[in-house]
Amino acid sequence: MTEYVKTYKCPTCSGLASGRGHLCHPIKENIPFTCEFCNKTVADPRHTCTEMIDKIEYTCKKCGMLAVYDSLLCEPEPKDQD
């Protein structure tokens, strides 16, 4: 499991998130960054790649965004398991 530095206060839910913020309200600082899944340098804070999609486990109850880690969403809930 990846540990995130809790440095960003989300304006949507007031929760603390990783340095890149939540996917449902990403911050634009520290862009571009290297994706931990595909190792590409990307400028989109909502970047998704095939490697990431294969590992998605959570969906946000507030905005519907999908994520690998619950810390990337304001109101995460486990994705339905098929």
PDB file of N, CA and C in Angstrom:
ATOM      1  N   MET A   1       0.846  -1.178   0.000  1.00  0.00           N
ATOM      2  CA  MET A   1       0.000   0.000   0.000  1.00  0.00           C
ATOM      3  C   MET A   1       0.893   1.244   0.000  1.00  0.00           C
ATOM      4  N   THR A   2       0.514   2.210  -0.825  1.00  0.00           N
ATOM      5  CA  THR A   2       1.271   3.448  -0.919  1.00  0.00           C
ATOM      6  C   THR A   2       0.883   4.376   0.216  1.00  0.00           C
ATOM      7  N   GLU A   3       1.868   4.974   0.865  1.00  0.00           N
ATOM      8  CA  GLU A   3       1.584   5.938   1.919  1.00  0.00           C
ATOM      9  C   GLU A   3       1.676   7.338   1.328  1.00  0.00           C
ATOM     10  N   TYR A   4       0.652   8.131   1.544  1.00  0.00           N
ATOM     11  CA  TYR A   4       0.619   9.485   1.027  1.00  0.00           C
ATOM     12  C   TYR A   4       0.934  10.473   2.133  1.00  0.00           C
ATOM     13  N   VAL A   5       1.650  11.521   1.776  1.00  0.00           N
ATOM     14  CA  VAL A   5       1.899  12.608   2.696  1.00  0.00           C
ATOM     15  C   VAL A   5       0.631  13.441   2.723  1.00  0.00           C
ATOM     16  N   LYS A   6       0.009  13.571   3.885  1.00  0.00           N
ATOM     17  CA  LYS A   6      -1.268  14.272   4.010  1.00  0.00           C
ATOM     18  C   LYS A   6      -1.011  15.772   4.121  1.00  0.00           C
ATOM     19  N   THR A   7      -0.953  16.433   2.973  1.00  0.00           N
ATOM     20  CA  THR A   7      -0.579  17.835   2.973  1.00  0.00           C
ATOM     21  C   THR A   7      -1.608  18.764   2.351  1.00  0.00           C
ATOM     22  N   TYR A   8      -2.705  18.265   1.857  1.00  0.00           N
ATOM     23  CA  TYR A   8      -3.643  19.075   1.099  1.00  0.00           C
ATOM     24  C   TYR A   8      -5.025  18.999   1.725  1.00  0.00           C
ATOM     25  N   LYS A   9      -5.619  20.147   2.036  1.00  0.00           N
ATOM     26  CA  LYS A   9      -6.960  20.171   2.598  1.00  0.00           C
ATOM     27  C   LYS A   9      -7.963  20.333   1.459  1.00  0.00           C
ATOM     28  N   CYS A  10      -8.821  19.361   1.279  1.00  0.00           N
ATOM     29  CA  CYS A  10      -9.769  19.356   0.177  1.00  0.00           C
ATOM     30  C   CYS A  10     -10.877  20.384   0.416  1.00  0.00           C
ATOM     31  N   PRO A  11     -11.131  21.284  -0.558  1.00  0.00           N
ATOM     32  CA  PRO A  11     -12.199  22.261  -0.377  1.00  0.00           C
ATOM     33  C   PRO A  11     -13.592  21.649  -0.482  1.00  0.00           C
ATOM     34  N   THR A  12     -13.689  20.436  -1.011  1.00  0.00           N
ATOM     35  CA  THR A  12     -14.982  19.770  -1.142  1.00  0.00           C
ATOM     36  C   THR A  12     -15.425  19.128   0.163  1.00  0.00           C
ATOM     37  N   CYS A  13     -14.502  18.393   0.792  1.00  0.00           N
ATOM     38  CA  CYS A  13     -14.886  17.641   1.992  1.00  0.00           C
ATOM     39  C   CYS A  13     -14.120  18.070   3.241  1.00  0.00           C
ATOM     40  N   SER A  14     -13.140  18.971   3.114  1.00  0.00           N
ATOM     41  CA  SER A  14     -12.271  19.444   4.198  1.00  0.00           C
ATOM     42  C   SER A  14     -11.349  18.369   4.752  1.00  0.00           C
ATOM     43  N   GLY A  15     -11.326  17.189   4.123  1.00  0.00           N
ATOM     44  CA  GLY A  15     -10.427  16.131   4.556  1.00  0.00           C
ATOM     45  C   GLY A  15      -9.019  16.384   4.062  1.00  0.00           C
ATOM     46  N   LEU A  16      -8.034  15.736   4.686  1.00  0.00           N
ATOM     47  CA  LEU A  16      -6.651  15.847   4.245  1.00  0.00           C
ATOM     48  C   LEU A  16      -6.390  14.785   3.200  1.00  0.00           C
ATOM     49  N   ALA A  17      -5.668  15.164   2.156  1.00  0.00           N
ATOM     50  CA  ALA A  17      -5.387  14.253   1.052  1.00  0.00           C
ATOM     51  C   ALA A  17      -3.899  14.268   0.765  1.00  0.00           C
ATOM     52  N   SER A  18      -3.506  13.492  -0.247  1.00  0.00           N
ATOM     53  CA  SER A  18      -2.108  13.457  -0.645  1.00  0.00           C
ATOM     54  C   SER A  18      -1.703  14.799  -1.235  1.00  0.00           C
ATOM     55  N   GLY A  19      -0.450  14.962  -1.518  1.00  0.00           N
ATOM     56  CA  GLY A  19       0.051  16.195  -2.093  1.00  0.00           C
ATOM     57  C   GLY A  19      -0.620  16.568  -3.406  1.00  0.00           C
ATOM     58  N   ARG A  20      -1.180  15.583  -4.147  1.00  0.00           N
ATOM     59  CA  ARG A  20      -1.862  15.868  -5.407  1.00  0.00           C
ATOM     60  C   ARG A  20      -3.337  16.134  -5.195  1.00  0.00           C
ATOM     61  N   GLY A  21      -3.845  16.006  -3.978  1.00  0.00           N
ATOM     62  CA  GLY A  21      -5.253  16.245  -3.718  1.00  0.00           C
ATOM     63  C   GLY A  21      -6.109  15.050  -4.097  1.00  0.00           C
ATOM     64  N   HIS A  22      -7.414  15.213  -3.973  1.00  0.00           N
ATOM     65  CA  HIS A  22      -8.350  14.164  -4.367  1.00  0.00           C
ATOM     66  C   HIS A  22      -8.554  14.201  -5.876  1.00  0.00           C
ATOM     67  N   LEU A  23      -8.908  13.069  -6.469  1.00  0.00           N
ATOM     68  CA  LEU A  23      -9.223  13.054  -7.891  1.00  0.00           C
ATOM     69  C   LEU A  23     -10.473  13.860  -8.192  1.00  0.00           C
ATOM     70  N   CYS A  24     -11.407  13.922  -7.227  1.00  0.00           N
ATOM     71  CA  CYS A  24     -12.622  14.680  -7.462  1.00  0.00           C
ATOM     72  C   CYS A  24     -12.390  16.176  -7.284  1.00  0.00           C
ATOM     73  N   HIS A  25     -11.262  16.573  -6.724  1.00  0.00           N
ATOM     74  CA  HIS A  25     -10.891  17.988  -6.649  1.00  0.00           C
ATOM     75  C   HIS A  25      -9.366  18.063  -6.637  1.00  0.00           C
ATOM     76  N   PRO A  26      -8.730  17.775  -7.796  1.00  0.00           N
ATOM     77  CA  PRO A  26      -7.258  17.743  -7.821  1.00  0.00           C
ATOM     78  C   PRO A  26      -6.661  19.145  -7.773  1.00  0.00           C
ATOM     79  N   ILE A  27      -5.426  19.210  -7.295  1.00  0.00           N
ATOM     80  CA  ILE A  27      -4.714  20.482  -7.333  1.00  0.00           C
ATOM     81  C   ILE A  27      -3.786  20.461  -8.537  1.00  0.00           C
ATOM     82  N   LYS A  28      -3.430  21.611  -9.006  1.00  0.00           N
ATOM     83  CA  LYS A  28      -2.635  21.718 -10.228  1.00  0.00           C
ATOM     84  C   LYS A  28      -1.150  21.906  -9.940  1.00  0.00           C
ATOM     85  N   GLU A  29      -0.770  21.931  -8.670  1.00  0.00           N
ATOM     86  CA  GLU A  29       0.639  22.089  -8.317  1.00  0.00           C
ATOM     87  C   GLU A  29       1.385  20.782  -8.560  1.00  0.00           C
ATOM     88  N   ASN A  30       2.688  20.867  -8.667  1.00  0.00           N
ATOM     89  CA  ASN A  30       3.559  19.705  -8.883  1.00  0.00           C
ATOM     90  C   ASN A  30       3.197  18.948 -10.157  1.00  0.00           C
ATOM     91  N   ILE A  31       2.766  19.664 -11.171  1.00  0.00           N
ATOM     92  CA  ILE A  31       2.445  19.085 -12.468  1.00  0.00           C
ATOM     93  C   ILE A  31       3.550  19.514 -13.420  1.00  0.00           C
ATOM     94  N   PRO A  32       4.116  18.684 -14.239  1.00  0.00           N
ATOM     95  CA  PRO A  32       3.786  17.277 -14.428  1.00  0.00           C
ATOM     96  C   PRO A  32       4.348  16.402 -13.321  1.00  0.00           C
ATOM     97  N   PHE A  33       3.857  15.158 -13.262  1.00  0.00           N
ATOM     98  CA  PHE A  33       4.339  14.183 -12.296  1.00  0.00           C
ATOM     99  C   PHE A  33       4.506  12.848 -13.001  1.00  0.00           C
ATOM    100  N   THR A  34       5.192  11.920 -12.340  1.00  0.00           N
ATOM    101  CA  THR A  34       5.393  10.592 -12.912  1.00  0.00           C
ATOM    102  C   THR A  34       4.345   9.650 -12.337  1.00  0.00           C
ATOM    103  N   CYS A  35       3.585   9.010 -13.207  1.00  0.00           N
ATOM    104  CA  CYS A  35       2.554   8.052 -12.786  1.00  0.00           C
ATOM    105  C   CYS A  35       3.225   6.842 -12.152  1.00  0.00           C
ATOM    106  N   GLU A  36       2.756   6.455 -10.967  1.00  0.00           N
ATOM    107  CA  GLU A  36       3.358   5.312 -10.276  1.00  0.00           C
ATOM    108  C   GLU A  36       2.993   3.977 -10.917  1.00  0.00           C
ATOM    109  N   PHE A  37       2.029   3.972 -11.839  1.00  0.00           N
ATOM    110  CA  PHE A  37       1.589   2.730 -12.470  1.00  0.00           C
ATOM    111  C   PHE A  37       2.234   2.507 -13.836  1.00  0.00           C
ATOM    112  N   CYS A  38       2.291   3.543 -14.689  1.00  0.00           N
ATOM    113  CA  CYS A  38       2.847   3.377 -16.037  1.00  0.00           C
ATOM    114  C   CYS A  38       4.207   4.057 -16.203  1.00  0.00           C
ATOM    115  N   ASN A  39       4.645   4.810 -15.187  1.00  0.00           N
ATOM    116  CA  ASN A  39       5.935   5.505 -15.181  1.00  0.00           C
ATOM    117  C   ASN A  39       6.072   6.584 -16.251  1.00  0.00           C
ATOM    118  N   LYS A  40       4.960   7.036 -16.817  1.00  0.00           N
ATOM    119  CA  LYS A  40       5.003   8.129 -17.783  1.00  0.00           C
ATOM    120  C   LYS A  40       4.907   9.459 -17.045  1.00  0.00           C
ATOM    121  N   THR A  41       5.512  10.486 -17.616  1.00  0.00           N
ATOM    122  CA  THR A  41       5.385  11.828 -17.084  1.00  0.00           C
ATOM    123  C   THR A  41       4.139  12.436 -17.705  1.00  0.00           C
ATOM    124  N   VAL A  42       3.192  12.867 -16.845  1.00  0.00           N
ATOM    125  CA  VAL A  42       1.906  13.361 -17.324  1.00  0.00           C
ATOM    126  C   VAL A  42       1.576  14.720 -16.704  1.00  0.00           C
ATOM    127  N   ALA A  43       0.772  15.510 -17.419  1.00  0.00           N
ATOM    128  CA  ALA A  43       0.397  16.834 -16.947  1.00  0.00           C
ATOM    129  C   ALA A  43      -1.055  16.904 -16.498  1.00  0.00           C
ATOM    130  N   ASP A  44      -1.811  15.825 -16.630  1.00  0.00           N
ATOM    131  CA  ASP A  44      -3.223  15.803 -16.247  1.00  0.00           C
ATOM    132  C   ASP A  44      -3.352  15.251 -14.829  1.00  0.00           C
ATOM    133  N   PRO A  45      -3.856  16.060 -13.867  1.00  0.00           N
ATOM    134  CA  PRO A  45      -3.969  15.562 -12.491  1.00  0.00           C
ATOM    135  C   PRO A  45      -4.956  14.404 -12.352  1.00  0.00           C
ATOM    136  N   ARG A  46      -5.831  14.215 -13.344  1.00  0.00           N
ATOM    137  CA  ARG A  46      -6.781  13.095 -13.329  1.00  0.00           C
ATOM    138  C   ARG A  46      -6.344  11.980 -14.271  1.00  0.00           C
ATOM    139  N   HIS A  47      -5.060  11.906 -14.550  1.00  0.00           N
ATOM    140  CA  HIS A  47      -4.500  10.887 -15.444  1.00  0.00           C
ATOM    141  C   HIS A  47      -4.944   9.491 -15.037  1.00  0.00           C
ATOM    142  N   THR A  48      -5.359   8.707 -16.013  1.00  0.00           N
ATOM    143  CA  THR A  48      -5.620   7.286 -15.802  1.00  0.00           C
ATOM    144  C   THR A  48      -4.929   6.518 -16.923  1.00  0.00           C
ATOM    145  N   CYS A  49      -4.486   5.324 -16.620  1.00  0.00           N
ATOM    146  CA  CYS A  49      -3.835   4.476 -17.605  1.00  0.00           C
ATOM    147  C   CYS A  49      -4.348   3.053 -17.407  1.00  0.00           C
ATOM    148  N   THR A  50      -4.077   2.196 -18.366  1.00  0.00           N
ATOM    149  CA  THR A  50      -4.556   0.815 -18.296  1.00  0.00           C
ATOM    150  C   THR A  50      -4.100   0.127 -17.018  1.00  0.00           C
ATOM    151  N   GLU A  51      -2.845   0.343 -16.645  1.00  0.00           N
ATOM    152  CA  GLU A  51      -2.310  -0.282 -15.438  1.00  0.00           C
ATOM    153  C   GLU A  51      -3.081   0.168 -14.192  1.00  0.00           C
ATOM    154  N   MET A  52      -3.484   1.427 -14.151  1.00  0.00           N
ATOM    155  CA  MET A  52      -4.241   1.961 -13.018  1.00  0.00           C
ATOM    156  C   MET A  52      -5.674   1.409 -13.020  1.00  0.00           C
ATOM    157  N   ILE A  53      -6.302   1.395 -14.182  1.00  0.00           N
ATOM    158  CA  ILE A  53      -7.688   0.927 -14.293  1.00  0.00           C
ATOM    159  C   ILE A  53      -7.819  -0.515 -13.812  1.00  0.00           C
ATOM    160  N   ASP A  54      -6.807  -1.331 -14.087  1.00  0.00           N
ATOM    161  CA  ASP A  54      -6.836  -2.732 -13.655  1.00  0.00           C
ATOM    162  C   ASP A  54      -6.836  -2.874 -12.132  1.00  0.00           C
ATOM    163  N   LYS A  55      -6.423  -1.821 -11.409  1.00  0.00           N
ATOM    164  CA  LYS A  55      -6.318  -1.887  -9.954  1.00  0.00           C
ATOM    165  C   LYS A  55      -7.377  -1.063  -9.219  1.00  0.00           C
ATOM    166  N   ILE A  56      -8.339  -0.471  -9.939  1.00  0.00           N
ATOM    167  CA  ILE A  56      -9.359   0.374  -9.315  1.00  0.00           C
ATOM    168  C   ILE A  56     -10.172  -0.418  -8.291  1.00  0.00           C
ATOM    169  N   GLU A  57     -10.280   0.147  -7.090  1.00  0.00           N
ATOM    170  CA  GLU A  57     -11.011  -0.513  -6.014  1.00  0.00           C
ATOM    171  C   GLU A  57     -12.085   0.354  -5.377  1.00  0.00           C
ATOM    172  N   TYR A  58     -12.063   1.683  -5.642  1.00  0.00           N
ATOM    173  CA  TYR A  58     -12.995   2.590  -4.962  1.00  0.00           C
ATOM    174  C   TYR A  58     -13.724   3.493  -5.947  1.00  0.00           C
ATOM    175  N   THR A  59     -14.909   3.913  -5.555  1.00  0.00           N
ATOM    176  CA  THR A  59     -15.670   4.922  -6.281  1.00  0.00           C
ATOM    177  C   THR A  59     -16.096   5.996  -5.285  1.00  0.00           C
ATOM    178  N   CYS A  60     -16.181   7.250  -5.737  1.00  0.00           N
ATOM    179  CA  CYS A  60     -16.572   8.343  -4.853  1.00  0.00           C
ATOM    180  C   CYS A  60     -18.097   8.462  -4.831  1.00  0.00           C
ATOM    181  N   LYS A  61     -18.684   8.447  -3.645  1.00  0.00           N
ATOM    182  CA  LYS A  61     -20.138   8.586  -3.505  1.00  0.00           C
ATOM    183  C   LYS A  61     -20.599   9.982  -3.896  1.00  0.00           C
ATOM    184  N   LYS A  62     -19.688  10.947  -3.869  1.00  0.00           N
ATOM    185  CA  LYS A  62     -20.053  12.339  -4.140  1.00  0.00           C
ATOM    186  C   LYS A  62     -20.013  12.668  -5.629  1.00  0.00           C
ATOM    187  N   CYS A  63     -18.938  12.284  -6.319  1.00  0.00           N
ATOM    188  CA  CYS A  63     -18.788  12.704  -7.716  1.00  0.00           C
ATOM    189  C   CYS A  63     -18.704  11.555  -8.713  1.00  0.00           C
ATOM    190  N   GLY A  64     -18.583  10.312  -8.235  1.00  0.00           N
ATOM    191  CA  GLY A  64     -18.542   9.165  -9.136  1.00  0.00           C
ATOM    192  C   GLY A  64     -17.171   8.822  -9.684  1.00  0.00           C
ATOM    193  N   MET A  65     -16.125   9.570  -9.341  1.00  0.00           N
ATOM    194  CA  MET A  65     -14.783   9.258  -9.820  1.00  0.00           C
ATOM    195  C   MET A  65     -14.346   7.901  -9.278  1.00  0.00           C
ATOM    196  N   LEU A  66     -13.491   7.216 -10.036  1.00  0.00           N
ATOM    197  CA  LEU A  66     -12.940   5.930  -9.629  1.00  0.00           C
ATOM    198  C   LEU A  66     -11.497   6.120  -9.207  1.00  0.00           C
ATOM    199  N   ALA A  67     -11.023   5.302  -8.254  1.00  0.00           N
ATOM    200  CA  ALA A  67      -9.644   5.435  -7.792  1.00  0.00           C
ATOM    201  C   ALA A  67      -9.100   4.119  -7.270  1.00  0.00           C
ATOM    202  N   VAL A  68      -7.785   4.040  -7.255  1.00  0.00           N
ATOM    203  CA  VAL A  68      -7.090   2.874  -6.717  1.00  0.00           C
ATOM    204  C   VAL A  68      -7.023   2.956  -5.196  1.00  0.00           C
ATOM    205  N   TYR A  69      -6.822   4.169  -4.663  1.00  0.00           N
ATOM    206  CA  TYR A  69      -6.684   4.366  -3.224  1.00  0.00           C
ATOM    207  C   TYR A  69      -7.847   5.186  -2.687  1.00  0.00           C
ATOM    208  N   ASP A  70      -8.347   4.843  -1.514  1.00  0.00           N
ATOM    209  CA  ASP A  70      -9.463   5.593  -0.928  1.00  0.00           C
ATOM    210  C   ASP A  70      -9.076   7.031  -0.602  1.00  0.00           C
ATOM    211  N   SER A  71      -7.795   7.282  -0.359  1.00  0.00           N
ATOM    212  CA  SER A  71      -7.353   8.633  -0.017  1.00  0.00           C
ATOM    213  C   SER A  71      -7.457   9.603  -1.194  1.00  0.00           C
ATOM    214  N   LEU A  72      -7.719   9.101  -2.396  1.00  0.00           N
ATOM    215  CA  LEU A  72      -7.842   9.959  -3.563  1.00  0.00           C
ATOM    216  C   LEU A  72      -9.263  10.450  -3.802  1.00  0.00           C
ATOM    217  N   LEU A  73     -10.216  10.044  -2.949  1.00  0.00           N
ATOM    218  CA  LEU A  73     -11.611  10.424  -3.130  1.00  0.00           C
ATOM    219  C   LEU A  73     -12.164  11.075  -1.873  1.00  0.00           C
ATOM    220  N   CYS A  74     -13.131  11.988  -2.047  1.00  0.00           N
ATOM    221  CA  CYS A  74     -13.736  12.668  -0.897  1.00  0.00           C
ATOM    222  C   CYS A  74     -14.613  11.719  -0.083  1.00  0.00           C
ATOM    223  N   GLU A  75     -15.462  10.935  -0.767  1.00  0.00           N
ATOM    224  CA  GLU A  75     -16.351  10.009  -0.077  1.00  0.00           C
ATOM    225  C   GLU A  75     -16.230   8.625  -0.715  1.00  0.00           C
ATOM    226  N   PRO A  76     -15.118   7.915  -0.417  1.00  0.00           N
ATOM    227  CA  PRO A  76     -14.890   6.633  -1.071  1.00  0.00           C
ATOM    228  C   PRO A  76     -15.766   5.516  -0.522  1.00  0.00           C
ATOM    229  N   GLU A  77     -16.103   4.582  -1.416  1.00  0.00           N
ATOM    230  CA  GLU A  77     -16.740   3.343  -1.009  1.00  0.00           C
ATOM    231  C   GLU A  77     -16.166   2.247  -1.895  1.00  0.00           C
ATOM    232  N   PRO A  78     -16.031   1.032  -1.380  1.00  0.00           N
ATOM    233  CA  PRO A  78     -15.469  -0.046  -2.179  1.00  0.00           C
ATOM    234  C   PRO A  78     -16.296  -0.268  -3.436  1.00  0.00           C
ATOM    235  N   LYS A  79     -15.599  -0.478  -4.549  1.00  0.00           N
ATOM    236  CA  LYS A  79     -16.264  -0.768  -5.812  1.00  0.00           C
ATOM    237  C   LYS A  79     -16.878  -2.150  -5.740  1.00  0.00           C
ATOM    238  N   ASP A  80     -18.023  -2.347  -6.363  1.00  0.00           N
ATOM    239  CA  ASP A  80     -18.659  -3.662  -6.363  1.00  0.00           C
ATOM    240  C   ASP A  80     -17.711  -4.681  -6.959  1.00  0.00           C
ATOM    241  N   GLN A  81     -17.582  -5.790  -6.286  1.00  0.00           N
ATOM    242  CA  GLN A  81     -16.740  -6.872  -6.768  1.00  0.00           C
ATOM    243  C   GLN A  81     -17.563  -7.780  -7.684  1.00  0.00           C
ATOM    244  N   ASP A  82     -17.041  -8.034  -8.880  1.00  0.00           N
ATOM    245  CA  ASP A  82     -17.759  -8.898  -9.833  1.00  0.00           C
ATOM    246  C   ASP A  82     -17.517 -10.353  -9.523  1.00  0.00           C
TER     247      ASP A  82
END
